[in-house]
Amino acid sequence: MKMLEWSQDDGCFVGSAPPLIGQCCHGKDKTKVYAELCRIVEEWIELLESGGDDLPEPLAAKKFSDKFVLRVEPGLQRRLAAKALAAGESLNSYCAKTLVKA
């Protein structure tokens, strides 16, 4: 999976291809960053294969359950619970919707 994300901190697009490679290129022009990302991914695959290494399992092939545990400090949990209550939602529903926006 190839990903381009806008980095507010850096003021540019950042490319990655998890689980193959983390953040590996950046720039202001989305098209150029994606082209660079594609080139890096191709080179990375060639290096792994030439070294006899296996490619990591793609995320699309992994099975995920419908839940995961996230530990947060009590103060954050309290603030999220208050926001969920104000929105008339369960804490789970509120957090899931908030994560989708991220």
N, C-alpha and C. Protein backbone atom coordinates (compact mmCIF):
# COMPACT_ATOMS: atom_id res chain seq x y z
N MET A 1 0.85 -1.16 0.00
CA MET A 1 0.00 0.00 0.00
C MET A 1 0.90 1.24 0.00
N LYS A 2 0.69 2.11 -0.95
CA LYS A 2 1.43 3.37 -1.00
C LYS A 2 0.55 4.47 -0.43
N MET A 3 1.15 5.29 0.43
CA MET A 3 0.38 6.35 1.09
C MET A 3 1.08 7.69 0.95
N LEU A 4 0.29 8.70 0.63
CA LEU A 4 0.76 10.09 0.67
C LEU A 4 -0.09 10.81 1.69
N GLU A 5 0.58 11.51 2.60
CA GLU A 5 -0.14 12.27 3.62
C GLU A 5 0.45 13.67 3.69
N TRP A 6 -0.41 14.62 3.96
CA TRP A 6 0.04 15.99 4.16
C TRP A 6 0.54 16.14 5.59
N SER A 7 1.75 16.64 5.76
CA SER A 7 2.32 16.87 7.08
C SER A 7 2.20 18.35 7.42
N GLN A 8 1.33 18.66 8.39
CA GLN A 8 1.20 20.05 8.85
C GLN A 8 2.52 20.56 9.42
N ASP A 9 3.20 19.70 10.17
CA ASP A 9 4.46 20.09 10.80
C ASP A 9 5.53 20.46 9.78
N ASP A 10 5.61 19.67 8.70
CA ASP A 10 6.65 19.90 7.70
C ASP A 10 6.19 20.76 6.53
N GLY A 11 4.88 20.94 6.38
CA GLY A 11 4.36 21.74 5.28
C GLY A 11 4.58 21.11 3.93
N CYS A 12 4.48 19.77 3.87
CA CYS A 12 4.69 19.08 2.60
C CYS A 12 4.02 17.71 2.63
N PHE A 13 3.99 17.05 1.47
CA PHE A 13 3.48 15.69 1.38
C PHE A 13 4.59 14.72 1.78
N VAL A 14 4.21 13.66 2.47
CA VAL A 14 5.17 12.64 2.89
C VAL A 14 4.68 11.30 2.37
N GLY A 15 5.59 10.54 1.75
CA GLY A 15 5.24 9.24 1.19
C GLY A 15 5.78 8.09 2.01
N SER A 16 4.99 7.02 2.09
CA SER A 16 5.40 5.79 2.77
C SER A 16 4.69 4.62 2.11
N ALA A 17 5.16 3.41 2.42
CA ALA A 17 4.54 2.19 1.87
C ALA A 17 4.58 1.10 2.93
N PRO A 18 3.77 1.25 3.99
CA PRO A 18 3.79 0.24 5.04
C PRO A 18 3.19 -1.07 4.55
N PRO A 19 3.66 -2.19 4.99
CA PRO A 19 4.74 -2.42 5.94
C PRO A 19 6.12 -2.53 5.29
N LEU A 20 6.21 -2.23 4.02
CA LEU A 20 7.48 -2.36 3.30
C LEU A 20 8.50 -1.32 3.75
N ILE A 21 8.08 -0.07 3.78
CA ILE A 21 9.00 1.01 4.13
C ILE A 21 8.22 2.16 4.77
N GLY A 22 8.83 2.81 5.72
CA GLY A 22 8.19 3.94 6.39
C GLY A 22 8.32 5.21 5.57
N GLN A 23 8.23 6.34 6.22
CA GLN A 23 8.32 7.62 5.51
C GLN A 23 9.67 7.70 4.81
N CYS A 24 9.61 7.91 3.49
CA CYS A 24 10.85 7.79 2.72
C CYS A 24 11.04 8.92 1.70
N CYS A 25 10.05 9.76 1.51
CA CYS A 25 10.21 10.88 0.57
C CYS A 25 9.21 11.97 0.94
N HIS A 26 9.51 13.17 0.50
CA HIS A 26 8.62 14.29 0.82
C HIS A 26 8.79 15.41 -0.21
N GLY A 27 7.81 16.29 -0.26
CA GLY A 27 7.88 17.43 -1.17
C GLY A 27 6.54 18.13 -1.25
N LYS A 28 6.55 19.28 -1.88
CA LYS A 28 5.33 20.10 -2.00
C LYS A 28 4.41 19.63 -3.13
N ASP A 29 5.00 19.01 -4.17
CA ASP A 29 4.24 18.57 -5.34
C ASP A 29 3.80 17.11 -5.15
N LYS A 30 2.50 16.91 -4.98
CA LYS A 30 1.95 15.59 -4.70
C LYS A 30 2.30 14.57 -5.78
N THR A 31 2.23 14.97 -7.03
CA THR A 31 2.51 14.06 -8.14
C THR A 31 3.97 13.63 -8.14
N LYS A 32 4.87 14.56 -7.88
CA LYS A 32 6.30 14.24 -7.85
C LYS A 32 6.64 13.35 -6.66
N VAL A 33 6.02 13.60 -5.53
CA VAL A 33 6.28 12.78 -4.35
C VAL A 33 5.79 11.36 -4.60
N TYR A 34 4.62 11.22 -5.23
CA TYR A 34 4.10 9.88 -5.51
C TYR A 34 5.02 9.15 -6.50
N ALA A 35 5.50 9.83 -7.51
CA ALA A 35 6.42 9.21 -8.48
C ALA A 35 7.70 8.75 -7.77
N GLU A 36 8.22 9.58 -6.89
CA GLU A 36 9.42 9.22 -6.13
C GLU A 36 9.14 8.02 -5.23
N LEU A 37 7.97 8.00 -4.60
CA LEU A 37 7.59 6.88 -3.75
C LEU A 37 7.54 5.59 -4.57
N CYS A 38 6.95 5.63 -5.75
CA CYS A 38 6.88 4.44 -6.60
C CYS A 38 8.27 3.94 -6.96
N ARG A 39 9.18 4.86 -7.27
CA ARG A 39 10.55 4.49 -7.61
C ARG A 39 11.25 3.83 -6.41
N ILE A 40 11.08 4.41 -5.24
CA ILE A 40 11.70 3.87 -4.02
C ILE A 40 11.15 2.48 -3.71
N VAL A 41 9.85 2.29 -3.85
CA VAL A 41 9.24 0.99 -3.58
C VAL A 41 9.78 -0.06 -4.54
N GLU A 42 9.88 0.27 -5.82
CA GLU A 42 10.43 -0.67 -6.80
C GLU A 42 11.86 -1.05 -6.44
N GLU A 43 12.68 -0.08 -6.09
CA GLU A 43 14.07 -0.35 -5.72
C GLU A 43 14.14 -1.20 -4.46
N TRP A 44 13.29 -0.91 -3.48
CA TRP A 44 13.29 -1.65 -2.23
C TRP A 44 12.93 -3.12 -2.47
N ILE A 45 11.93 -3.34 -3.31
CA ILE A 45 11.52 -4.71 -3.64
C ILE A 45 12.66 -5.45 -4.34
N GLU A 46 13.31 -4.79 -5.29
CA GLU A 46 14.45 -5.40 -5.99
C GLU A 46 15.56 -5.78 -5.01
N LEU A 47 15.86 -4.88 -4.06
CA LEU A 47 16.91 -5.16 -3.07
C LEU A 47 16.55 -6.36 -2.20
N LEU A 48 15.32 -6.42 -1.74
CA LEU A 48 14.90 -7.54 -0.91
C LEU A 48 14.96 -8.85 -1.68
N GLU A 49 14.45 -8.84 -2.90
CA GLU A 49 14.43 -10.07 -3.69
C GLU A 49 15.84 -10.51 -4.06
N SER A 50 16.71 -9.57 -4.41
CA SER A 50 18.08 -9.93 -4.79
C SER A 50 18.86 -10.45 -3.59
N GLY A 51 18.48 -10.04 -2.40
CA GLY A 51 19.15 -10.52 -1.19
C GLY A 51 18.54 -11.80 -0.65
N GLY A 52 17.51 -12.30 -1.33
CA GLY A 52 16.85 -13.53 -0.89
C GLY A 52 15.89 -13.33 0.27
N ASP A 53 15.57 -12.09 0.57
CA ASP A 53 14.65 -11.80 1.67
C ASP A 53 13.21 -11.85 1.20
N ASP A 54 12.32 -12.26 2.10
CA ASP A 54 10.90 -12.27 1.80
C ASP A 54 10.33 -10.86 1.91
N LEU A 55 9.34 -10.58 1.08
CA LEU A 55 8.63 -9.31 1.19
C LEU A 55 7.69 -9.41 2.39
N PRO A 56 7.49 -8.30 3.10
CA PRO A 56 6.55 -8.35 4.22
C PRO A 56 5.13 -8.63 3.72
N GLU A 57 4.33 -9.24 4.59
CA GLU A 57 2.94 -9.54 4.24
C GLU A 57 2.19 -8.23 4.04
N PRO A 58 1.48 -8.06 2.92
CA PRO A 58 0.73 -6.83 2.70
C PRO A 58 -0.41 -6.69 3.71
N LEU A 59 -0.71 -5.46 4.07
CA LEU A 59 -1.79 -5.22 5.02
C LEU A 59 -3.12 -5.77 4.52
N ALA A 60 -3.33 -5.74 3.22
CA ALA A 60 -4.59 -6.24 2.65
C ALA A 60 -4.77 -7.73 2.91
N ALA A 61 -3.67 -8.46 3.10
CA ALA A 61 -3.76 -9.90 3.32
C ALA A 61 -3.93 -10.24 4.79
N LYS A 62 -3.71 -9.29 5.68
CA LYS A 62 -3.83 -9.55 7.11
C LYS A 62 -5.29 -9.52 7.54
N LYS A 63 -5.61 -10.37 8.48
CA LYS A 63 -6.96 -10.38 9.04
C LYS A 63 -6.96 -9.52 10.29
N PHE A 64 -7.93 -8.64 10.39
CA PHE A 64 -8.07 -7.77 11.54
C PHE A 64 -9.39 -8.07 12.24
N SER A 65 -9.36 -8.02 13.57
CA SER A 65 -10.61 -8.16 14.32
C SER A 65 -11.31 -6.81 14.28
N ASP A 66 -12.44 -6.73 14.89
CA ASP A 66 -13.17 -5.46 14.89
C ASP A 66 -12.87 -4.63 16.13
N LYS A 67 -11.78 -4.95 16.82
CA LYS A 67 -11.47 -4.18 18.03
C LYS A 67 -9.97 -4.16 18.28
N PHE A 68 -9.54 -3.16 19.05
CA PHE A 68 -8.18 -3.10 19.55
C PHE A 68 -8.19 -2.29 20.84
N VAL A 69 -7.23 -2.56 21.68
CA VAL A 69 -7.16 -1.89 22.98
C VAL A 69 -6.21 -0.70 22.85
N LEU A 70 -6.66 0.42 23.35
CA LEU A 70 -5.85 1.63 23.31
C LEU A 70 -5.76 2.20 24.72
N ARG A 71 -4.56 2.29 25.24
CA ARG A 71 -4.38 2.84 26.58
C ARG A 71 -4.12 4.34 26.47
N VAL A 72 -4.87 5.11 27.23
CA VAL A 72 -4.69 6.56 27.27
C VAL A 72 -4.69 7.01 28.72
N GLU A 73 -4.16 8.18 28.96
CA GLU A 73 -4.15 8.69 30.34
C GLU A 73 -5.59 8.97 30.79
N PRO A 74 -5.86 8.84 32.07
CA PRO A 74 -7.23 9.02 32.58
C PRO A 74 -7.84 10.38 32.22
N GLY A 75 -7.03 11.42 32.21
CA GLY A 75 -7.56 12.74 31.87
C GLY A 75 -8.10 12.80 30.45
N LEU A 76 -7.40 12.16 29.52
CA LEU A 76 -7.86 12.12 28.13
C LEU A 76 -9.13 11.29 28.03
N GLN A 77 -9.18 10.17 28.72
CA GLN A 77 -10.38 9.34 28.68
C GLN A 77 -11.58 10.12 29.23
N ARG A 78 -11.37 10.88 30.29
CA ARG A 78 -12.44 11.68 30.89
C ARG A 78 -12.94 12.72 29.89
N ARG A 79 -12.02 13.42 29.21
CA ARG A 79 -12.42 14.45 28.22
C ARG A 79 -13.19 13.81 27.06
N LEU A 80 -12.72 12.66 26.59
CA LEU A 80 -13.41 11.98 25.50
C LEU A 80 -14.79 11.51 25.93
N ALA A 81 -14.89 11.01 27.14
CA ALA A 81 -16.19 10.56 27.65
C ALA A 81 -17.16 11.74 27.75
N ALA A 82 -16.66 12.89 28.17
CA ALA A 82 -17.52 14.08 28.27
C ALA A 82 -17.98 14.52 26.89
N LYS A 83 -17.09 14.50 25.91
CA LYS A 83 -17.46 14.88 24.54
C LYS A 83 -18.46 13.89 23.96
N ALA A 84 -18.27 12.60 24.24
CA ALA A 84 -19.20 11.59 23.75
C ALA A 84 -20.58 11.80 24.36
N LEU A 85 -20.60 12.07 25.65
CA LEU A 85 -21.87 12.31 26.35
C LEU A 85 -22.58 13.52 25.77
N ALA A 86 -21.82 14.59 25.51
CA ALA A 86 -22.39 15.82 24.94
C ALA A 86 -22.95 15.58 23.54
N ALA A 87 -22.31 14.66 22.81
CA ALA A 87 -22.76 14.34 21.45
C ALA A 87 -23.88 13.29 21.45
N GLY A 88 -24.21 12.77 22.64
CA GLY A 88 -25.25 11.75 22.73
C GLY A 88 -24.82 10.41 22.17
N GLU A 89 -23.52 10.11 22.28
CA GLU A 89 -22.97 8.87 21.73
C GLU A 89 -22.25 8.09 22.82
N SER A 90 -22.03 6.83 22.54
CA SER A 90 -21.18 6.03 23.44
C SER A 90 -19.74 6.48 23.24
N LEU A 91 -18.92 6.21 24.22
CA LEU A 91 -17.49 6.53 24.10
C LEU A 91 -16.89 5.81 22.91
N ASN A 92 -17.25 4.54 22.73
CA ASN A 92 -16.73 3.76 21.61
C ASN A 92 -17.11 4.39 20.27
N SER A 93 -18.37 4.72 20.10
CA SER A 93 -18.84 5.31 18.85
C SER A 93 -18.16 6.66 18.59
N TYR A 94 -18.07 7.48 19.63
CA TYR A 94 -17.43 8.80 19.48
C TYR A 94 -15.98 8.65 19.06
N CYS A 95 -15.24 7.75 19.71
CA CYS A 95 -13.82 7.58 19.39
C CYS A 95 -13.64 7.00 17.98
N ALA A 96 -14.49 6.05 17.60
CA ALA A 96 -14.39 5.47 16.26
C ALA A 96 -14.61 6.54 15.20
N LYS A 97 -15.61 7.39 15.38
CA LYS A 97 -15.87 8.46 14.41
C LYS A 97 -14.72 9.46 14.39
N THR A 98 -14.15 9.74 15.54
CA THR A 98 -13.03 10.66 15.61
C THR A 98 -11.80 10.09 14.90
N LEU A 99 -11.55 8.81 15.07
CA LEU A 99 -10.41 8.16 14.41
C LEU A 99 -10.58 8.14 12.90
N VAL A 100 -11.79 7.98 12.42
CA VAL A 100 -12.04 7.97 10.98
C VAL A 100 -11.65 9.31 10.36
N LYS A 101 -11.83 10.39 11.11
CA LYS A 101 -11.51 11.73 10.61
C LYS A 101 -10.00 11.97 10.56
N ALA A 102 -9.23 11.22 11.32
CA ALA A 102 -7.78 11.44 11.41
C ALA A 102 -7.05 11.03 10.15
